[in-house]
Amino acid sequence: MSDVVAADPSGASRPGASRPDAPRPDAPEGHRPRLMRDRSGSQRVTNIELFFDLVYVYAVTQLSHHLLAKPTLGGALQTGLLLAMVWMVWSYTTWVTNWLDPEQMAVRLMLVLLMLVSLAMSASLPRAFEDLGLWVGGGYAIQQVGRSVFMVIALRGHPLQANFRRILVWCLVSSALAIGGALAHGRARELLWLAAVCVDVAGGLAGFATPGLGRSRTSDWTIEGGHFAERCQAFILIALGESIVIIGTTLAGVPSPTTARVTGFIVAFVTSVTLWWLYFDQSAEAAAEKIARSDDPGRLGRSAYHLIHPVMVAGIIVTAAADEKLLADPGATPTTPAAWMILGGPALFLAGHAAFKYVVWRYLSWPRLAAIAALALLALAAKALPALALAACAAALVAVVAATDRLPWPPRPA
């Protein structure tokens, strides 16, 4: 890990230039495969990557609707499993476009085909555990295997090809489980899809160790850290954008806006703003700078972004579902599922962000942990408070945590 830290996890970031002259184990320019990015300059997120992300705006909306349709513990677990599947196919593609040049026609066409499959998969999410399981499991398998095959072909003569051969083997296993789950029913489908996600997660943790092919190290994953961080930040914005859409759409559908509903609208909006503020005011740019300067960006990319960011996305999705329930009847005493959504969404986001800060800076954020404990205590009083008051308390707690990041006393890395 680099000894130079140009950003502060709890105070203002101090941007510094990334290290274009830092040694990278990429193949020499003369041997760089035609479809690979030119790493001689800074890497930017391209228009086709942003266009690709539009499918996932729809996917996040479908996930929040799935949770609203099944506001039970079982429904929440199913929604979490579907989010994990959606995140895996998006995240694996993000790793790929960090190495490949999306301006190349072959890469662009690959992304368009993945978009098509992702769109079909996203449209099927609300009925994933009913009659459209094959669309979800099949879409997952097609993307995981198809993308890996493309990379093995595209990276001929490049050191990364060996890594993607291993990834292909692991994806064949996870895809078989995904297809098996699609053909099964009931609990068997859930367990097989969970196993498929676990295989893909375990693959990265194990360096995609494969008999006869060896294993890789995170230092072999020569990603451009700043680009990877920016892509994951974009997904957080996608989720927050879906929350804003739900707030506006729900208010627009109300026949007569009352004072309580207008107040609920403001509280829901403030909640979204505080979640954005918590992530982007200090941590986002600082973490991007840290991974850009890291001697092992693959390790930070795997832990801080690939594994932890979906927890924050889950928190935003739950919060969006809670906002819809809140705006429907802000003065009513919340049902148990509604109360857990109102409090659980911010708690999930805070837990994910606390883990993110700890992995990036080895800094334990006590304000975030204290806010999670306070949200748990609020759950004890949920039946005594109207939904609006409960949501206002949750928003206030997140706002207080965001404010503490601006205080001078949190420790700063040298």
Protein backbone atom coordinates (compact mmCIF):
# COMPACT_ATOMS: atom_id res chain seq x y z
CA MET A 1 0.00 0.00 0.00
CA SER A 2 1.31 3.42 -0.86
CA ASP A 3 2.61 5.51 2.01
CA VAL A 4 1.15 8.63 0.38
CA VAL A 5 -2.44 9.34 1.38
CA ALA A 6 -3.88 12.42 -0.33
CA ALA A 7 -7.32 12.33 1.20
CA ASP A 8 -8.99 12.35 4.55
CA PRO A 9 -11.76 9.88 5.38
CA SER A 10 -13.62 12.17 7.73
CA GLY A 11 -12.46 15.65 6.73
CA ALA A 12 -11.98 17.42 3.43
CA SER A 13 -10.14 15.53 0.72
CA ARG A 14 -6.89 16.88 -0.60
CA PRO A 15 -6.83 15.81 -4.24
CA GLY A 16 -3.51 14.95 -5.70
CA ALA A 17 -2.52 13.83 -9.11
CA SER A 18 -2.76 10.13 -9.82
CA ARG A 19 0.45 8.35 -10.65
CA PRO A 20 0.53 7.78 -14.43
CA ASP A 21 4.20 6.87 -14.08
CA ALA A 22 3.55 4.22 -11.42
CA PRO A 23 4.77 0.79 -12.49
CA ARG A 24 2.04 -1.46 -13.82
CA PRO A 25 2.43 -5.12 -14.76
CA ASP A 26 0.58 -4.57 -18.04
CA ALA A 27 2.03 -5.92 -21.24
CA PRO A 28 4.27 -3.49 -23.15
CA GLU A 29 2.45 -1.10 -25.47
CA GLY A 30 3.70 -2.95 -28.54
CA HIS A 31 2.08 -6.15 -27.26
CA ARG A 32 -1.14 -4.61 -25.95
CA PRO A 33 -4.14 -6.42 -27.46
CA ARG A 34 -6.14 -4.24 -29.82
CA LEU A 35 -9.22 -4.16 -27.58
CA MET A 36 -7.38 -3.06 -24.43
CA ARG A 37 -7.43 0.50 -23.10
CA ASP A 38 -4.41 2.69 -23.64
CA ARG A 39 -3.12 3.23 -20.09
CA SER A 40 -0.72 6.03 -21.02
CA GLY A 41 -3.18 8.69 -19.82
CA SER A 42 -6.03 9.06 -17.35
CA GLN A 43 -9.02 6.79 -17.87
CA ARG A 44 -12.48 8.24 -18.18
CA VAL A 45 -15.93 6.73 -18.01
CA THR A 46 -17.22 6.57 -21.58
CA ASN A 47 -20.70 7.31 -22.91
CA ILE A 48 -21.38 3.66 -23.71
CA GLU A 49 -20.63 2.73 -20.09
CA LEU A 50 -23.12 5.34 -18.87
CA PHE A 51 -25.64 4.12 -21.45
CA PHE A 52 -25.10 0.56 -20.20
CA ASP A 53 -25.93 1.71 -16.66
CA LEU A 54 -29.39 2.91 -17.74
CA VAL A 55 -30.61 -0.67 -17.68
CA TYR A 56 -29.74 -0.84 -14.01
CA VAL A 57 -31.86 2.21 -13.22
CA TYR A 58 -34.75 -0.03 -14.27
CA ALA A 59 -33.35 -3.01 -12.36
CA VAL A 60 -33.17 -1.04 -9.10
CA THR A 61 -36.77 0.12 -9.62
CA GLN A 62 -37.87 -3.48 -10.12
CA LEU A 63 -36.12 -4.54 -6.93
CA SER A 64 -37.87 -1.89 -4.84
CA HIS A 65 -41.21 -2.95 -6.34
CA HIS A 66 -40.43 -6.58 -5.52
CA LEU A 67 -39.81 -5.59 -1.90
CA LEU A 68 -43.02 -3.57 -1.76
CA ALA A 69 -45.01 -6.48 -3.19
CA LYS A 70 -43.54 -8.86 -0.60
CA PRO A 71 -42.94 -6.83 2.59
CA THR A 72 -42.05 -9.86 4.68
CA LEU A 73 -38.79 -11.33 5.93
CA GLY A 74 -38.92 -13.92 3.16
CA GLY A 75 -39.62 -11.23 0.56
CA ALA A 76 -36.75 -9.11 1.88
CA LEU A 77 -34.36 -12.06 1.63
CA GLN A 78 -35.53 -12.79 -1.90
CA THR A 79 -35.01 -9.14 -2.86
CA GLY A 80 -31.51 -9.25 -1.35
CA LEU A 81 -30.71 -12.36 -3.37
CA LEU A 82 -31.92 -10.74 -6.60
CA LEU A 83 -29.88 -7.61 -5.80
CA ALA A 84 -26.80 -9.80 -5.35
CA MET A 85 -27.39 -11.37 -8.78
CA VAL A 86 -27.91 -7.97 -10.41
CA TRP A 87 -24.82 -6.58 -8.70
CA MET A 88 -22.67 -9.53 -9.77
CA VAL A 89 -23.44 -9.17 -13.48
CA TRP A 90 -23.00 -5.37 -13.34
CA SER A 91 -19.82 -5.50 -11.25
CA TYR A 92 -18.15 -8.19 -13.35
CA THR A 93 -18.85 -6.08 -16.44
CA THR A 94 -17.36 -3.05 -14.71
CA TRP A 95 -14.14 -4.96 -14.05
CA VAL A 96 -14.04 -5.89 -17.74
CA THR A 97 -14.58 -2.37 -19.07
CA ASN A 98 -11.79 -1.16 -16.79
CA TRP A 99 -9.39 -3.12 -19.01
CA LEU A 100 -11.17 -3.05 -22.36
CA ASP A 101 -11.59 0.05 -24.52
CA PRO A 102 -15.35 0.68 -24.87
CA GLU A 103 -14.67 2.79 -27.95
CA GLN A 104 -13.64 -0.33 -29.86
CA MET A 105 -16.52 -1.67 -31.94
CA ALA A 106 -16.26 -5.26 -30.67
CA VAL A 107 -16.34 -4.09 -27.04
CA ARG A 108 -19.22 -1.74 -27.73
CA LEU A 109 -21.25 -4.52 -29.36
CA MET A 110 -20.52 -6.81 -26.41
CA LEU A 111 -21.87 -4.17 -24.02
CA VAL A 112 -24.99 -3.69 -26.15
CA LEU A 113 -25.68 -7.44 -26.11
CA LEU A 114 -25.14 -7.54 -22.34
CA MET A 115 -27.58 -4.63 -22.05
CA LEU A 116 -30.20 -6.59 -23.97
CA VAL A 117 -29.84 -9.63 -21.71
CA SER A 118 -29.76 -7.42 -18.59
CA LEU A 119 -32.94 -5.65 -19.67
CA ALA A 120 -34.75 -8.97 -20.11
CA MET A 121 -33.43 -10.14 -16.75
CA SER A 122 -34.50 -6.89 -15.06
CA ALA A 123 -38.00 -7.05 -16.52
CA SER A 124 -38.37 -10.53 -15.05
CA LEU A 125 -37.27 -9.69 -11.50
CA PRO A 126 -40.75 -9.22 -9.96
CA ARG A 127 -41.69 -12.76 -11.11
CA ALA A 128 -38.27 -14.31 -10.61
CA PHE A 129 -39.58 -16.79 -8.05
CA GLU A 130 -42.71 -17.50 -10.04
CA ASP A 131 -42.95 -18.19 -13.80
CA LEU A 132 -40.00 -16.14 -15.09
CA GLY A 133 -37.18 -17.84 -13.20
CA LEU A 134 -35.55 -19.04 -16.40
CA TRP A 135 -35.27 -15.45 -17.67
CA VAL A 136 -33.46 -14.40 -14.50
CA GLY A 137 -31.24 -17.48 -14.07
CA GLY A 138 -30.62 -17.75 -17.79
CA GLY A 139 -29.79 -14.04 -18.08
CA TYR A 140 -27.32 -14.39 -15.22
CA ALA A 141 -25.63 -17.41 -16.84
CA ILE A 142 -25.45 -15.90 -20.33
CA GLN A 143 -23.77 -12.75 -19.05
CA GLN A 144 -21.28 -14.45 -16.73
CA VAL A 145 -20.14 -17.02 -19.29
CA GLY A 146 -20.44 -14.89 -22.42
CA ARG A 147 -18.43 -12.02 -20.98
CA SER A 148 -15.68 -14.36 -19.76
CA VAL A 149 -15.42 -16.11 -23.13
CA PHE A 150 -15.13 -12.71 -24.82
CA MET A 151 -12.30 -11.73 -22.48
CA VAL A 152 -10.38 -14.96 -23.02
CA ILE A 153 -10.49 -14.31 -26.78
CA ALA A 154 -9.82 -10.57 -26.53
CA LEU A 155 -6.78 -10.97 -24.24
CA ARG A 156 -4.76 -13.34 -26.38
CA GLY A 157 -1.11 -12.71 -25.69
CA HIS A 158 -1.81 -10.66 -22.56
CA PRO A 159 -0.94 -11.77 -18.99
CA LEU A 160 -4.56 -11.19 -17.91
CA GLN A 161 -5.79 -13.96 -20.19
CA ALA A 162 -4.75 -16.60 -17.66
CA ASN A 163 -6.87 -14.87 -15.02
CA PHE A 164 -9.94 -14.88 -17.24
CA ARG A 165 -9.47 -18.53 -18.06
CA ARG A 166 -9.80 -19.18 -14.34
CA ILE A 167 -12.77 -16.80 -14.10
CA LEU A 168 -14.45 -18.67 -16.95
CA VAL A 169 -14.19 -21.96 -15.05
CA TRP A 170 -15.76 -20.43 -11.93
CA CYS A 171 -18.48 -18.74 -14.00
CA LEU A 172 -19.34 -22.05 -15.67
CA VAL A 173 -19.97 -23.49 -12.21
CA SER A 174 -22.04 -20.53 -11.00
CA SER A 175 -23.99 -20.44 -14.27
CA ALA A 176 -24.84 -24.12 -13.99
CA LEU A 177 -26.22 -23.42 -10.53
CA ALA A 178 -28.17 -20.40 -11.84
CA ILE A 179 -29.73 -22.48 -14.62
CA GLY A 180 -30.44 -25.29 -12.17
CA GLY A 181 -32.20 -22.83 -9.88
CA ALA A 182 -34.24 -21.47 -12.78
CA LEU A 183 -35.49 -24.99 -13.54
CA ALA A 184 -36.22 -25.75 -9.87
CA HIS A 185 -39.08 -24.42 -7.77
CA GLY A 186 -39.66 -23.03 -4.31
CA ARG A 187 -36.87 -23.23 -1.77
CA ALA A 188 -34.62 -25.18 -4.17
CA ARG A 189 -34.55 -22.21 -6.57
CA GLU A 190 -33.55 -19.84 -3.78
CA LEU A 191 -30.78 -22.13 -2.51
CA LEU A 192 -29.33 -22.81 -5.97
CA TRP A 193 -29.30 -19.11 -6.86
CA LEU A 194 -27.70 -18.33 -3.52
CA ALA A 195 -25.05 -20.95 -4.27
CA ALA A 196 -24.43 -19.36 -7.69
CA VAL A 197 -23.81 -15.95 -6.11
CA CYS A 198 -21.61 -17.51 -3.41
CA VAL A 199 -19.48 -19.21 -6.08
CA ASP A 200 -18.89 -15.92 -7.88
CA VAL A 201 -18.07 -14.12 -4.63
CA ALA A 202 -15.82 -16.93 -3.40
CA GLY A 203 -14.02 -16.99 -6.75
CA GLY A 204 -12.73 -13.47 -6.26
CA LEU A 205 -11.79 -14.14 -2.63
CA ALA A 206 -9.89 -17.29 -3.63
CA GLY A 207 -8.10 -15.68 -6.56
CA PHE A 208 -10.18 -17.88 -8.86
CA ALA A 209 -7.97 -20.83 -7.90
CA THR A 210 -8.45 -23.54 -10.53
CA PRO A 211 -6.79 -26.98 -10.77
CA GLY A 212 -4.22 -26.93 -13.54
CA LEU A 213 -4.52 -23.15 -14.01
CA GLY A 214 -3.28 -21.91 -10.64
CA ARG A 215 -4.62 -18.82 -8.94
CA SER A 216 -4.23 -15.08 -9.28
CA ARG A 217 -3.28 -12.38 -6.79
CA THR A 218 -5.04 -9.05 -6.44
CA SER A 219 -1.81 -7.41 -7.57
CA ASP A 220 -2.36 -9.15 -10.91
CA TRP A 221 -5.65 -7.29 -11.36
CA THR A 222 -4.11 -4.17 -12.80
CA ILE A 223 -7.22 -2.02 -12.74
CA GLU A 224 -7.28 1.73 -13.09
CA GLY A 225 -8.48 2.51 -9.57
CA GLY A 226 -9.96 5.94 -10.24
CA HIS A 227 -12.09 4.63 -13.10
CA PHE A 228 -13.34 1.68 -11.05
CA ALA A 229 -14.28 3.95 -8.13
CA GLU A 230 -16.13 6.32 -10.45
CA ARG A 231 -18.15 3.44 -11.90
CA CYS A 232 -19.25 2.28 -8.44
CA GLN A 233 -20.09 5.84 -7.45
CA ALA A 234 -22.33 5.95 -10.52
CA PHE A 235 -24.26 2.94 -9.26
CA ILE A 236 -24.86 4.66 -5.93
CA LEU A 237 -26.26 7.61 -7.90
CA ILE A 238 -28.44 5.23 -9.91
CA ALA A 239 -29.97 3.88 -6.70
CA LEU A 240 -30.44 7.37 -5.24
CA GLY A 241 -32.00 8.54 -8.50
CA GLU A 242 -34.54 5.73 -8.32
CA SER A 243 -35.39 6.89 -4.80
CA ILE A 244 -36.01 10.42 -6.07
CA VAL A 245 -38.25 9.07 -8.85
CA ILE A 246 -40.33 7.10 -6.34
CA ILE A 247 -40.75 10.18 -4.12
CA GLY A 248 -41.91 12.33 -7.04
CA THR A 249 -44.12 9.67 -8.61
CA THR A 250 -45.83 8.81 -5.33
CA LEU A 251 -46.57 12.45 -4.56
CA ALA A 252 -47.88 13.00 -8.10
CA GLY A 253 -50.31 10.12 -7.66
CA VAL A 254 -51.84 11.57 -4.50
CA PRO A 255 -55.28 13.08 -5.33
CA SER A 256 -55.16 15.82 -2.67
CA PRO A 257 -51.80 16.80 -1.14
CA THR A 258 -52.35 17.37 2.56
CA THR A 259 -50.00 19.04 5.01
CA ALA A 260 -48.92 15.63 6.30
CA ARG A 261 -48.18 14.37 2.78
CA VAL A 262 -46.22 17.50 1.85
CA THR A 263 -44.24 17.15 5.08
CA GLY A 264 -43.67 13.47 4.29
CA PHE A 265 -42.47 14.46 0.82
CA ILE A 266 -39.92 16.84 2.38
CA VAL A 267 -38.76 14.22 4.92
CA ALA A 268 -38.33 11.57 2.19
CA PHE A 269 -36.38 14.05 0.05
CA VAL A 270 -34.17 15.04 2.97
CA THR A 271 -33.45 11.36 3.67
CA SER A 272 -32.20 10.88 0.10
CA VAL A 273 -30.10 14.03 0.34
CA THR A 274 -28.50 12.95 3.61
CA LEU A 275 -27.59 9.54 2.16
CA TRP A 276 -26.02 11.29 -0.83
CA TRP A 277 -24.22 13.71 1.47
CA LEU A 278 -22.90 10.96 3.70
CA TYR A 279 -21.28 9.17 0.75
CA PHE A 280 -20.26 11.95 -1.62
CA ASP A 281 -19.41 14.92 0.61
CA GLN A 282 -16.18 13.44 1.97
CA SER A 283 -15.65 9.75 1.26
CA ALA A 284 -16.25 9.31 -2.47
CA GLU A 285 -13.47 11.51 -3.82
CA ALA A 286 -11.12 10.62 -0.99
CA ALA A 287 -11.55 6.87 -1.59
CA ALA A 288 -11.12 7.30 -5.33
CA GLU A 289 -7.85 9.10 -4.68
CA LYS A 290 -6.75 6.33 -2.31
CA ILE A 291 -7.40 3.51 -4.76
CA ALA A 292 -5.82 5.50 -7.61
CA ARG A 293 -2.61 5.79 -5.56
CA SER A 294 -2.65 2.23 -4.26
CA ASP A 295 0.07 -0.23 -5.21
CA ASP A 296 -2.61 -2.95 -5.13
CA PRO A 297 -5.80 -1.37 -6.53
CA GLY A 298 -7.27 -4.80 -7.22
CA ARG A 299 -7.43 -5.54 -3.49
CA LEU A 300 -9.25 -2.32 -2.67
CA GLY A 301 -11.47 -2.72 -5.72
CA ARG A 302 -12.52 -6.19 -4.56
CA SER A 303 -13.10 -5.39 -0.88
CA ALA A 304 -14.20 -1.75 -0.68
CA TYR A 305 -16.18 -1.59 -3.91
CA HIS A 306 -17.09 -5.03 -5.26
CA LEU A 307 -18.13 -6.53 -1.90
CA ILE A 308 -19.24 -3.57 0.26
CA HIS A 309 -21.02 -1.22 -2.13
CA PRO A 310 -24.03 -3.52 -2.68
CA VAL A 311 -24.79 -3.21 1.05
CA MET A 312 -25.19 0.55 0.62
CA VAL A 313 -27.26 0.01 -2.53
CA ALA A 314 -29.50 -2.34 -0.55
CA GLY A 315 -29.98 0.40 2.06
CA ILE A 316 -31.07 2.87 -0.61
CA ILE A 317 -33.52 0.38 -2.15
CA VAL A 318 -35.10 -0.33 1.24
CA THR A 319 -35.30 3.41 1.94
CA ALA A 320 -37.01 4.00 -1.42
CA ALA A 321 -39.60 1.34 -0.60
CA ALA A 322 -40.12 2.97 2.80
CA ASP A 323 -40.65 6.36 1.15
CA GLU A 324 -43.48 4.97 -0.96
CA LYS A 325 -45.18 3.54 2.12
CA LEU A 326 -44.59 6.77 4.04
CA LEU A 327 -46.14 9.01 1.38
CA ALA A 328 -49.17 6.75 1.06
CA ASP A 329 -50.26 7.55 4.63
CA PRO A 330 -47.73 9.59 6.64
CA GLY A 331 -50.01 10.08 9.65
CA ALA A 332 -50.75 6.41 10.23
CA THR A 333 -48.91 4.21 12.69
CA PRO A 334 -46.53 2.16 10.53
CA THR A 335 -47.00 -1.55 10.15
CA THR A 336 -44.12 -3.73 11.29
CA PRO A 337 -42.75 -4.15 7.72
CA ALA A 338 -43.05 -0.40 7.07
CA ALA A 339 -41.26 0.44 10.33
CA TRP A 340 -38.42 -1.93 9.54
CA MET A 341 -38.08 -0.39 6.07
CA ILE A 342 -38.04 3.17 7.46
CA LEU A 343 -35.34 2.30 9.99
CA GLY A 344 -33.61 -0.57 8.22
CA GLY A 345 -32.80 1.31 5.02
CA PRO A 346 -30.65 3.99 6.70
CA ALA A 347 -29.17 1.36 9.05
CA LEU A 348 -28.04 -0.78 6.11
CA PHE A 349 -26.52 2.24 4.39
CA LEU A 350 -24.71 3.34 7.54
CA ALA A 351 -23.38 -0.18 8.13
CA GLY A 352 -22.12 -0.43 4.56
CA HIS A 353 -20.51 3.00 4.71
CA ALA A 354 -18.85 2.25 8.04
CA ALA A 355 -17.40 -0.95 6.55
CA PHE A 356 -16.28 1.01 3.47
CA LYS A 357 -14.39 3.56 5.58
CA TYR A 358 -12.80 0.84 7.68
CA VAL A 359 -11.56 -1.14 4.67
CA VAL A 360 -10.19 1.92 2.87
CA TRP A 361 -8.64 3.76 5.83
CA ARG A 362 -8.73 1.29 8.74
CA TYR A 363 -10.84 3.90 10.49
CA LEU A 364 -13.79 2.80 12.64
CA SER A 365 -16.57 5.38 12.42
CA TRP A 366 -18.15 5.47 15.85
CA PRO A 367 -20.83 8.03 14.83
CA ARG A 368 -22.13 5.57 12.21
CA LEU A 369 -22.20 2.70 14.70
CA ALA A 370 -23.92 4.90 17.28
CA ALA A 371 -26.56 5.92 14.73
CA ILE A 372 -27.24 2.27 13.91
CA ALA A 373 -27.74 1.58 17.61
CA ALA A 374 -30.08 4.58 17.88
CA LEU A 375 -32.12 3.30 14.92
CA ALA A 376 -32.42 -0.06 16.65
CA LEU A 377 -33.71 1.69 19.79
CA LEU A 378 -36.21 3.63 17.69
CA ALA A 379 -37.62 0.30 16.54
CA LEU A 380 -38.80 -0.27 20.11
CA ALA A 381 -40.94 2.86 19.87
CA ALA A 382 -42.12 2.30 16.29
CA LYS A 383 -45.67 1.37 17.30
CA ALA A 384 -46.04 4.54 19.36
CA LEU A 385 -45.03 6.96 16.60
CA PRO A 386 -46.67 7.87 13.30
CA ALA A 387 -44.73 6.92 10.17
CA LEU A 388 -43.84 10.56 9.50
CA ALA A 389 -42.25 11.04 12.94
CA LEU A 390 -40.33 7.78 12.62
CA ALA A 391 -38.98 8.75 9.20
CA ALA A 392 -38.06 12.23 10.45
CA CYS A 393 -36.07 10.71 13.33
CA ALA A 394 -34.22 8.39 10.94
CA ALA A 395 -33.40 11.27 8.58
CA ALA A 396 -32.18 13.39 11.48
CA LEU A 397 -29.84 10.66 12.68
CA VAL A 398 -28.25 10.30 9.24
CA ALA A 399 -27.92 14.09 9.00
CA VAL A 400 -26.14 14.21 12.36
CA VAL A 401 -23.68 11.55 11.22
CA ALA A 402 -23.00 13.48 8.01
CA ALA A 403 -22.39 16.62 10.09
CA THR A 404 -19.84 14.83 12.31
CA ASP A 405 -17.67 14.21 9.24
CA ARG A 406 -17.12 17.95 9.11
CA LEU A 407 -15.91 18.18 12.71
CA PRO A 408 -12.17 18.67 13.26
CA TRP A 409 -11.70 15.93 15.87
CA PRO A 410 -11.96 12.64 13.88
CA PRO A 411 -8.53 11.04 13.31
CA ARG A 412 -6.85 11.67 9.98
CA PRO A 413 -4.31 9.37 8.28
CA ALA A 414 -0.83 10.70 7.81
